[in-house]
C-alpha atoms as a PDB file:
ATOM      1  CA  MET A   1     109.095 -31.330  -4.738  1.00  0.00           C
ATOM      2  CA  THR A   2     107.506 -32.019  -1.361  1.00  0.00           C
ATOM      3  CA  ALA A   3     108.731 -34.733   1.033  1.00  0.00           C
ATOM      4  CA  ARG A   4     105.520 -36.749   0.443  1.00  0.00           C
ATOM      5  CA  THR A   5     106.088 -36.751  -3.367  1.00  0.00           C
ATOM      6  CA  ALA A   6     109.718 -37.757  -2.866  1.00  0.00           C
ATOM      7  CA  ARG A   7     108.688 -40.674  -0.655  1.00  0.00           C
ATOM      8  CA  ARG A   8     106.037 -41.781  -3.180  1.00  0.00           C
ATOM      9  CA  LYS A   9     108.572 -41.742  -6.039  1.00  0.00           C
ATOM     10  CA  SER A  10     111.208 -43.622  -4.036  1.00  0.00           C
ATOM     11  CA  THR A  11     108.851 -46.452  -2.936  1.00  0.00           C
ATOM     12  CA  PHE A  12     107.017 -46.954  -6.269  1.00  0.00           C
ATOM     13  CA  PRO A  13     109.828 -48.857  -8.060  1.00  0.00           C
ATOM     14  CA  THR A  14     110.268 -51.137  -5.004  1.00  0.00           C
ATOM     15  CA  ALA A  15     106.569 -52.025  -4.946  1.00  0.00           C
ATOM     16  CA  LEU A  16     106.636 -52.696  -8.700  1.00  0.00           C
ATOM     17  CA  VAL A  17     109.670 -54.997  -8.355  1.00  0.00           C
ATOM     18  CA  SER A  18     108.038 -56.844  -5.427  1.00  0.00           C
ATOM     19  CA  THR A  19     104.846 -57.420  -7.445  1.00  0.00           C
ATOM     20  CA  ALA A  20     106.814 -58.658 -10.457  1.00  0.00           C
ATOM     21  CA  LEU A  21     108.886 -60.964  -8.270  1.00  0.00           C
ATOM     22  CA  LEU A  22     105.772 -62.419  -6.619  1.00  0.00           C
ATOM     23  CA  ALA A  23     104.137 -63.017 -10.002  1.00  0.00           C
ATOM     24  CA  SER A  24     107.202 -64.819 -11.350  1.00  0.00           C
ATOM     25  CA  LEU A  25     107.396 -67.019  -8.241  1.00  0.00           C
ATOM     26  CA  LEU A  26     103.737 -67.989  -8.570  1.00  0.00           C
ATOM     27  CA  ALA A  27     104.244 -68.805 -12.250  1.00  0.00           C
ATOM     28  CA  ALA A  28     107.229 -70.989 -11.396  1.00  0.00           C
ATOM     29  CA  CYS A  29     105.180 -72.907  -8.816  1.00  0.00           C
ATOM     30  CA  ALA A  30     102.364 -73.456 -11.287  1.00  0.00           C
ATOM     31  CA  THR A  31     104.648 -74.924 -13.960  1.00  0.00           C
ATOM     32  CA  PRO A  32     107.645 -76.538 -12.280  1.00  0.00           C
ATOM     33  CA  GLY A  33     110.483 -77.418 -14.590  1.00  0.00           C
ATOM     34  CA  GLY A  34     108.922 -75.369 -17.376  1.00  0.00           C
ATOM     35  CA  GLY A  35     106.721 -78.325 -18.344  1.00  0.00           C
ATOM     36  CA  THR A  36     103.249 -78.237 -19.826  1.00  0.00           C
ATOM     37  CA  ASP A  37     101.823 -81.156 -17.849  1.00  0.00           C
ATOM     38  CA  GLY A  38      99.149 -79.243 -15.952  1.00  0.00           C
ATOM     39  CA  GLY A  39     101.243 -78.608 -12.861  1.00  0.00           C
ATOM     40  CA  THR A  40     102.173 -82.143 -11.812  1.00  0.00           C
ATOM     41  CA  ASP A  41     105.823 -82.031 -10.849  1.00  0.00           C
ATOM     42  CA  ALA A  42     108.371 -84.778 -11.462  1.00  0.00           C
ATOM     43  CA  ILE A  43     108.283 -86.014  -7.860  1.00  0.00           C
ATOM     44  CA  HIS A  44     104.519 -86.489  -7.909  1.00  0.00           C
ATOM     45  CA  ARG A  45     104.633 -88.105 -11.341  1.00  0.00           C
ATOM     46  CA  HIS A  46     107.212 -90.582 -10.041  1.00  0.00           C
ATOM     47  CA  ALA A  47     105.171 -91.351  -6.908  1.00  0.00           C
ATOM     48  CA  LEU A  48     102.078 -92.206  -8.971  1.00  0.00           C
ATOM     49  CA  VAL A  49     103.885 -94.775 -11.116  1.00  0.00           C
ATOM     50  CA  ARG A  50     103.540 -98.323  -9.755  1.00  0.00           C
ATOM     51  CA  THR A  51     105.816-101.008 -11.073  1.00  0.00           C
ATOM     52  CA  ALA A  52     103.758-103.802 -12.591  1.00  0.00           C
ATOM     53  CA  PRO A  53     104.195-107.166 -10.847  1.00  0.00           C
ATOM     54  CA  PRO A  54     105.657-109.996 -12.909  1.00  0.00           C
ATOM     55  CA  ALA A  55     103.193-112.028 -14.962  1.00  0.00           C
ATOM     56  CA  PRO A  56     102.351-115.257 -13.137  1.00  0.00           C
ATOM     57  CA  SER A  57     103.532-118.608 -14.460  1.00  0.00           C
ATOM     58  CA  TRP A  58     100.238-120.416 -13.924  1.00  0.00           C
ATOM     59  CA  SER A  59     101.491-123.878 -14.844  1.00  0.00           C
ATOM     60  CA  THR A  60     104.462-123.565 -12.456  1.00  0.00           C
ATOM     61  CA  LEU A  61     102.258-122.301  -9.624  1.00  0.00           C
ATOM     62  CA  HIS A  62      99.720-125.055 -10.271  1.00  0.00           C
ATOM     63  CA  GLU A  63     102.485-127.651 -10.039  1.00  0.00           C
ATOM     64  CA  GLN A  64     103.903-126.131  -6.843  1.00  0.00           C
ATOM     65  CA  LEU A  65     100.505-126.029  -5.135  1.00  0.00           C
ATOM     66  CA  GLY A  66      99.752-129.563  -6.270  1.00  0.00           C
ATOM     67  CA  LYS A  67     102.946-130.834  -4.628  1.00  0.00           C
ATOM     68  CA  ALA A  68     102.353-128.771  -1.493  1.00  0.00           C
ATOM     69  CA  THR A  69      98.850-130.205  -0.986  1.00  0.00           C
ATOM     70  CA  ALA A  70      99.494-133.759  -2.184  1.00  0.00           C
ATOM     71  CA  GLY A  71      99.030-135.244   1.283  1.00  0.00           C
ATOM     72  CA  LEU A  72      95.946-133.181   2.174  1.00  0.00           C
ATOM     73  CA  ALA A  73      92.607-134.922   1.678  1.00  0.00           C
ATOM     74  CA  GLY A  74      90.003-133.123  -0.385  1.00  0.00           C
ATOM     75  CA  VAL A  75      92.058-130.176  -1.690  1.00  0.00           C
ATOM     76  CA  GLU A  76      91.349-129.782  -5.413  1.00  0.00           C
ATOM     77  CA  LEU A  77      93.083-127.598  -7.983  1.00  0.00           C
ATOM     78  CA  GLY A  78      91.084-126.439 -10.988  1.00  0.00           C
ATOM     79  CA  LYS A  79      92.254-126.324 -14.572  1.00  0.00           C
ATOM     80  CA  VAL A  80      94.748-123.663 -15.603  1.00  0.00           C
ATOM     81  CA  ASP A  81      93.899-121.028 -18.209  1.00  0.00           C
ATOM     82  CA  ASN A  82      95.112-117.512 -18.994  1.00  0.00           C
ATOM     83  CA  ALA A  83      92.904-116.086 -16.262  1.00  0.00           C
ATOM     84  CA  GLY A  84      94.442-118.337 -13.582  1.00  0.00           C
ATOM     85  CA  PHE A  85      92.800-121.191 -11.699  1.00  0.00           C
ATOM     86  CA  HIS A  86      91.035-121.943  -8.425  1.00  0.00           C
ATOM     87  CA  VAL A  87      91.826-124.053  -5.384  1.00  0.00           C
ATOM     88  CA  GLN A  88      89.003-125.739  -3.500  1.00  0.00           C
ATOM     89  CA  ILE A  89      89.464-126.630   0.178  1.00  0.00           C
ATOM     90  CA  PRO A  90      86.859-128.641   2.128  1.00  0.00           C
ATOM     91  CA  VAL A  91      85.991-127.150   5.504  1.00  0.00           C
ATOM     92  CA  ALA A  92      83.843-129.859   7.095  1.00  0.00           C
ATOM     93  CA  ASP A  93      86.624-130.081   9.703  1.00  0.00           C
ATOM     94  CA  GLY A  94      87.953-126.586   9.011  1.00  0.00           C
ATOM     95  CA  PHE A  95      85.450-124.714  11.164  1.00  0.00           C
ATOM     96  CA  ALA A  96      83.148-125.652  14.013  1.00  0.00           C
ATOM     97  CA  SER A  97      79.444-125.436  13.207  1.00  0.00           C
ATOM     98  CA  GLY A  98      78.400-121.790  13.038  1.00  0.00           C
ATOM     99  CA  SER A  99      81.975-120.589  13.680  1.00  0.00           C
ATOM    100  CA  ALA A 100      84.584-118.679  11.665  1.00  0.00           C
ATOM    101  CA  GLU A 101      87.522-119.813  13.825  1.00  0.00           C
ATOM    102  CA  ILE A 102      89.994-121.799  11.738  1.00  0.00           C
ATOM    103  CA  ARG A 103      90.639-125.322  13.004  1.00  0.00           C
ATOM    104  CA  PRO A 104      93.964-127.187  12.598  1.00  0.00           C
ATOM    105  CA  ALA A 105      92.863-129.177   9.513  1.00  0.00           C
ATOM    106  CA  LEU A 106      92.155-126.022   7.513  1.00  0.00           C
ATOM    107  CA  GLY A 107      95.183-124.270   9.000  1.00  0.00           C
ATOM    108  CA  ARG A 108      97.449-127.040   7.690  1.00  0.00           C
ATOM    109  CA  ALA A 109      95.987-126.712   4.192  1.00  0.00           C
ATOM    110  CA  LEU A 110      96.430-122.931   4.189  1.00  0.00           C
ATOM    111  CA  ASP A 111      99.967-123.234   5.556  1.00  0.00           C
ATOM    112  CA  ALA A 112     100.825-125.623   2.724  1.00  0.00           C
ATOM    113  CA  LEU A 113      99.530-123.171   0.117  1.00  0.00           C
ATOM    114  CA  ALA A 114     100.885-119.943   1.601  1.00  0.00           C
ATOM    115  CA  PRO A 115     104.621-120.085   0.697  1.00  0.00           C
ATOM    116  CA  ALA A 116     104.079-120.533  -3.054  1.00  0.00           C
ATOM    117  CA  LEU A 117     101.296-117.944  -3.085  1.00  0.00           C
ATOM    118  CA  ALA A 118     103.415-115.440  -1.133  1.00  0.00           C
ATOM    119  CA  ALA A 119     106.303-115.845  -3.573  1.00  0.00           C
ATOM    120  CA  GLU A 120     104.123-115.267  -6.653  1.00  0.00           C
ATOM    121  CA  THR A 121     103.565-111.521  -6.235  1.00  0.00           C
ATOM    122  CA  GLY A 122     101.693-111.162  -9.519  1.00  0.00           C
ATOM    123  CA  VAL A 123      98.797-113.297  -8.280  1.00  0.00           C
ATOM    124  CA  ALA A 124      95.651-111.894  -6.669  1.00  0.00           C
ATOM    125  CA  VAL A 125      93.875-114.248  -4.249  1.00  0.00           C
ATOM    126  CA  ARG A 126      90.109-113.924  -3.856  1.00  0.00           C
ATOM    127  CA  VAL A 127      88.770-116.075  -1.026  1.00  0.00           C
ATOM    128  CA  LEU A 128      85.170-117.292  -1.346  1.00  0.00           C
ATOM    129  CA  GLY A 129      83.335-118.937   1.528  1.00  0.00           C
ATOM    130  CA  HIS A 130      80.540-121.477   0.936  1.00  0.00           C
ATOM    131  CA  THR A 131      78.126-123.166   3.347  1.00  0.00           C
ATOM    132  CA  ASP A 132      75.483-125.860   3.109  1.00  0.00           C
ATOM    133  CA  SER A 133      71.778-125.014   3.268  1.00  0.00           C
ATOM    134  CA  GLN A 134      71.216-125.836   6.925  1.00  0.00           C
ATOM    135  CA  GLY A 135      69.814-122.850   8.793  1.00  0.00           C
ATOM    136  CA  SER A 136      68.850-119.355   7.628  1.00  0.00           C
ATOM    137  CA  GLU A 137      70.026-118.175   4.217  1.00  0.00           C
ATOM    138  CA  MET A 138      71.108-114.801   5.644  1.00  0.00           C
ATOM    139  CA  VAL A 139      72.964-116.429   8.536  1.00  0.00           C
ATOM    140  CA  ASN A 140      74.748-118.710   6.076  1.00  0.00           C
ATOM    141  CA  LEU A 141      75.737-115.762   3.891  1.00  0.00           C
ATOM    142  CA  ARG A 142      77.178-113.864   6.850  1.00  0.00           C
ATOM    143  CA  LEU A 143      78.973-116.978   8.064  1.00  0.00           C
ATOM    144  CA  SER A 144      80.528-117.610   4.653  1.00  0.00           C
ATOM    145  CA  ILE A 145      81.836-114.031   4.517  1.00  0.00           C
ATOM    146  CA  ALA A 146      83.236-114.246   8.070  1.00  0.00           C
ATOM    147  CA  ARG A 147      85.000-117.504   7.191  1.00  0.00           C
ATOM    148  CA  ALA A 148      86.500-116.003   4.035  1.00  0.00           C
ATOM    149  CA  GLU A 149      87.738-113.026   6.053  1.00  0.00           C
ATOM    150  CA  ALA A 150      89.325-115.386   8.597  1.00  0.00           C
ATOM    151  CA  VAL A 151      91.184-117.127   5.761  1.00  0.00           C
ATOM    152  CA  VAL A 152      92.383-113.770   4.397  1.00  0.00           C
ATOM    153  CA  THR A 153      93.745-112.857   7.840  1.00  0.00           C
ATOM    154  CA  TRP A 154      95.489-116.239   8.092  1.00  0.00           C
ATOM    155  CA  LEU A 155      97.126-115.836   4.665  1.00  0.00           C
ATOM    156  CA  ARG A 156      98.130-112.218   5.343  1.00  0.00           C
ATOM    157  CA  GLU A 157      99.886-113.330   8.530  1.00  0.00           C
ATOM    158  CA  ARG A 158     101.876-115.773   6.394  1.00  0.00           C
ATOM    159  CA  GLY A 159     103.360-113.213   4.058  1.00  0.00           C
ATOM    160  CA  ILE A 160     100.737-112.519   1.392  1.00  0.00           C
ATOM    161  CA  ALA A 161     100.307-108.761   0.963  1.00  0.00           C
ATOM    162  CA  LEU A 162      96.898-107.398   1.896  1.00  0.00           C
ATOM    163  CA  ASP A 163      96.492-105.624  -1.464  1.00  0.00           C
ATOM    164  CA  ARG A 164      96.596-109.059  -3.123  1.00  0.00           C
ATOM    165  CA  LEU A 165      93.793-110.488  -0.957  1.00  0.00           C
ATOM    166  CA  ALA A 166      90.010-110.158  -1.055  1.00  0.00           C
ATOM    167  CA  ALA A 167      87.218-111.940   0.829  1.00  0.00           C
ATOM    168  CA  ASP A 168      83.653-112.701  -0.172  1.00  0.00           C
ATOM    169  CA  GLY A 169      80.980-115.238   0.675  1.00  0.00           C
ATOM    170  CA  ARG A 170      78.309-117.042  -1.302  1.00  0.00           C
ATOM    171  CA  GLY A 171      76.490-118.692   1.584  1.00  0.00           C
ATOM    172  CA  GLU A 172      74.456-121.614   0.268  1.00  0.00           C
ATOM    173  CA  ALA A 173      73.986-120.079  -3.218  1.00  0.00           C
ATOM    174  CA  ASP A 174      76.548-122.174  -5.163  1.00  0.00           C
ATOM    175  CA  PRO A 175      76.305-125.805  -4.027  1.00  0.00           C
ATOM    176  CA  LEU A 176      78.486-128.400  -5.728  1.00  0.00           C
ATOM    177  CA  THR A 177      75.865-131.071  -5.138  1.00  0.00           C
ATOM    178  CA  SER A 178      72.530-131.611  -3.407  1.00  0.00           C
ATOM    179  CA  ASN A 179      72.167-130.571   0.210  1.00  0.00           C
ATOM    180  CA  ALA A 180      69.632-133.362   0.748  1.00  0.00           C
ATOM    181  CA  THR A 181      72.243-135.730   2.192  1.00  0.00           C
ATOM    182  CA  GLU A 182      74.928-135.301   4.823  1.00  0.00           C
ATOM    183  CA  GLU A 183      77.570-136.283   2.251  1.00  0.00           C
ATOM    184  CA  GLY A 184      76.347-133.522  -0.050  1.00  0.00           C
ATOM    185  CA  ARG A 185      76.318-130.939   2.713  1.00  0.00           C
ATOM    186  CA  VAL A 186      79.881-131.859   3.685  1.00  0.00           C
ATOM    187  CA  ARG A 187      80.997-131.357   0.074  1.00  0.00           C
ATOM    188  CA  ASN A 188      79.236-128.009  -0.207  1.00  0.00           C
ATOM    189  CA  ARG A 189      80.963-126.571   2.864  1.00  0.00           C
ATOM    190  CA  ARG A 190      84.179-125.280   1.378  1.00  0.00           C
ATOM    191  CA  ILE A 191      86.606-122.405   0.819  1.00  0.00           C
ATOM    192  CA  GLU A 192      87.670-121.456  -2.693  1.00  0.00           C
ATOM    193  CA  LEU A 193      90.780-119.487  -3.574  1.00  0.00           C
ATOM    194  CA  ILE A 194      90.289-117.791  -6.940  1.00  0.00           C
ATOM    195  CA  LEU A 195      93.753-117.042  -8.314  1.00  0.00           C
ATOM    196  CA  SER A 196      93.999-114.398 -11.035  1.00  0.00           C
ATOM    197  CA  PRO A 197      96.512-111.818 -12.320  1.00  0.00           C
ATOM    198  CA  MET A 198      96.957-108.695 -10.251  1.00  0.00           C
ATOM    199  CA  PRO A 199      95.140-105.768 -11.891  1.00  0.00           C
END
């Protein structure tokens, strides 16, 4: 037997063992824990599970918000049903004309609502901005969205988680009454909080 043949015979079993070991390691990585779940390990499965928030008590929340806003002129709470309810806040004095900067009157209303909303973690809050029909329709739409976003920022800074908040604007599209009079335009300028269960 030559030296080359001896070396080939002595290294062959080592190479075979190394290949078998590598194959078994790869198989173990592909199916951790011996499961048949397509390769998702227990840690990843646990990380993907989100605990469902508690179901809201709509009647209790409605009562709390009603008490919190009792001294605030113009704040209206809608009727409660299984899908939640809405809160309507006038913004005639809430924003300057053409501005999305929150004034003290609106700030007080939002501050009154925020504690109960922050505590009810199973409630999603969709903020809708509305304007009157004065000016360009596109400008009004953009303004209503900017105002809704300002309200979302205000509420987030008062303890309501960002994943519970959303902002949108309707501009002049959904008036409560005619825009032909100043009284009607004042009523149509508003913020709505649409309260619904978290998805």
